[in-house]
């Protein structure tokens, strides 16, 4: 009887450890890239969640975010921590394009999946 209780405790402990390990955050990865630091953040399952750069502890350059399946969900641009240029945000209904001028939103364009674009 005692051995059976010990075995049950062992199984419960193993299950607890497995669940804890699966729910643990994956540590970000930091890499030196010239005068920038490239950082990669991860989803709990280990897939890439976000990648971008820091310069002097501020967001710099292009940042990309991904869902757990690896699909791109956003492309953003920064200069010295401020939002600049065109950002693209994918969502279930299509694509949103946000244009930043002087670090504020200048325009927003929503593209539906069925939108046709003429390319010359």
Protein backbone atom coordinates (compact mmCIF):
# COMPACT_ATOMS: atom_id res chain seq x y z
CA UNK A 1 0.00 0.00 0.00
CA UNK A 2 2.81 2.41 0.88
CA UNK A 3 4.64 1.68 -2.38
CA UNK A 4 1.44 2.41 -4.34
CA UNK A 5 1.08 5.80 -2.60
CA UNK A 6 4.71 6.61 -3.31
CA UNK A 7 4.22 5.70 -6.97
CA UNK A 8 1.13 7.94 -7.19
CA UNK A 9 3.08 10.83 -5.64
CA UNK A 10 5.88 10.25 -8.12
CA UNK A 11 3.46 10.29 -11.07
CA UNK A 12 1.75 13.45 -9.78
CA UNK A 13 5.13 15.14 -9.28
CA UNK A 14 6.27 14.13 -12.78
CA UNK A 15 3.06 15.52 -14.31
CA UNK A 16 3.44 18.75 -12.35
CA UNK A 17 7.04 19.16 -13.54
CA UNK A 18 6.06 18.45 -17.15
CA UNK A 19 3.27 21.05 -17.09
CA UNK A 20 5.57 23.58 -15.40
CA UNK A 21 8.28 23.00 -17.99
CA UNK A 22 5.83 23.40 -20.88
CA UNK A 23 4.44 26.67 -19.53
CA UNK A 24 7.84 28.19 -18.79
CA UNK A 25 8.88 31.20 -20.81
CA UNK A 26 11.65 30.74 -23.33
CA UNK A 27 14.40 33.25 -22.56
CA UNK A 28 15.02 35.97 -25.17
CA UNK A 29 18.17 35.71 -27.28
CA UNK A 30 20.49 38.72 -27.58
CA UNK A 31 23.16 39.03 -30.29
CA UNK A 32 25.64 41.80 -31.04
CA UNK A 33 25.27 43.17 -34.59
CA UNK A 34 27.72 46.06 -35.05
CA UNK A 35 26.48 48.94 -32.92
CA UNK A 36 23.08 47.24 -32.55
CA UNK A 37 21.77 44.43 -30.37
CA UNK A 38 19.50 41.96 -32.16
CA UNK A 39 16.87 40.47 -29.87
CA UNK A 40 14.58 37.51 -30.49
CA UNK A 41 11.60 36.85 -28.24
CA UNK A 42 9.87 33.47 -28.24
CA UNK A 43 6.38 32.05 -27.74
CA UNK A 44 6.01 29.51 -24.92
CA UNK A 45 6.35 26.70 -27.48
CA UNK A 46 9.77 28.00 -28.57
CA UNK A 47 8.69 29.47 -31.92
CA UNK A 48 9.84 33.01 -32.75
CA UNK A 49 7.41 35.67 -31.50
CA UNK A 50 9.30 38.91 -32.26
CA UNK A 51 12.64 40.01 -33.71
CA UNK A 52 14.24 43.40 -33.88
CA UNK A 53 17.09 45.63 -32.84
CA UNK A 54 18.05 47.98 -30.05
CA UNK A 55 20.53 50.83 -30.22
CA UNK A 56 21.38 52.68 -27.02
CA UNK A 57 18.53 50.79 -25.28
CA UNK A 58 15.95 52.12 -27.77
CA UNK A 59 14.07 50.27 -30.51
CA UNK A 60 15.85 50.68 -33.85
CA UNK A 61 15.25 49.56 -37.42
CA UNK A 62 12.79 46.90 -38.52
CA UNK A 63 10.87 44.79 -36.00
CA UNK A 64 8.79 41.78 -37.00
CA UNK A 65 6.24 39.78 -35.03
CA UNK A 66 4.97 36.28 -35.76
CA UNK A 67 2.14 34.04 -34.60
CA UNK A 68 2.84 30.56 -33.23
CA UNK A 69 2.54 29.04 -36.71
CA UNK A 70 5.34 31.31 -37.99
CA UNK A 71 3.08 33.65 -39.98
CA UNK A 72 4.16 37.29 -39.97
CA UNK A 73 1.69 39.44 -38.01
CA UNK A 74 3.47 42.81 -38.14
CA UNK A 75 6.39 44.71 -39.62
CA UNK A 76 7.28 47.91 -37.79
CA UNK A 77 10.05 50.49 -38.12
CA UNK A 78 11.75 52.59 -35.45
CA UNK A 79 14.37 55.31 -35.25
CA UNK A 80 15.79 56.00 -31.78
CA UNK A 81 12.74 54.39 -30.18
CA UNK A 82 10.19 56.37 -32.21
CA UNK A 83 7.74 54.95 -34.76
CA UNK A 84 8.60 55.82 -38.37
CA UNK A 85 7.66 54.88 -41.91
CA UNK A 86 5.12 52.33 -43.05
CA UNK A 87 3.98 49.62 -40.68
CA UNK A 88 2.12 46.54 -41.87
CA UNK A 89 -0.22 44.61 -39.56
CA UNK A 90 -1.83 41.37 -40.71
CA UNK A 91 -5.13 40.36 -39.15
CA UNK A 92 -7.91 37.90 -39.93
CA UNK A 93 -9.70 40.33 -42.28
CA UNK A 94 -6.67 41.46 -44.27
CA UNK A 95 -3.80 43.89 -43.97
CA UNK A 96 -3.57 47.28 -42.26
CA UNK A 97 -0.96 49.74 -43.47
CA UNK A 98 -0.12 52.55 -41.04
CA UNK A 99 2.11 55.41 -42.16
CA UNK A 100 3.99 57.39 -39.50
CA UNK A 101 5.26 60.94 -40.11
CA UNK A 102 6.95 62.92 -37.33
CA UNK A 103 6.38 59.90 -35.07
CA UNK A 104 2.58 60.16 -35.30
CA UNK A 105 0.02 58.37 -37.47
CA UNK A 106 -0.28 60.18 -40.80
CA UNK A 107 -2.57 57.68 -42.52
CA UNK A 108 -4.15 54.26 -42.19
CA UNK A 109 -5.13 52.05 -45.10
CA UNK A 110 -7.02 48.78 -44.66
CA UNK A 111 -6.62 46.14 -47.33
CA UNK A 112 -9.17 43.34 -47.51
CA UNK A 113 -8.08 39.98 -48.84
CA UNK A 114 -10.37 40.39 -51.81
CA UNK A 115 -8.94 43.85 -52.70
CA UNK A 116 -7.43 43.82 -56.18
CA UNK A 117 -4.31 45.86 -56.78
CA UNK A 118 -3.36 46.93 -60.28
CA UNK A 119 0.38 46.51 -60.88
CA UNK A 120 1.93 47.89 -63.98
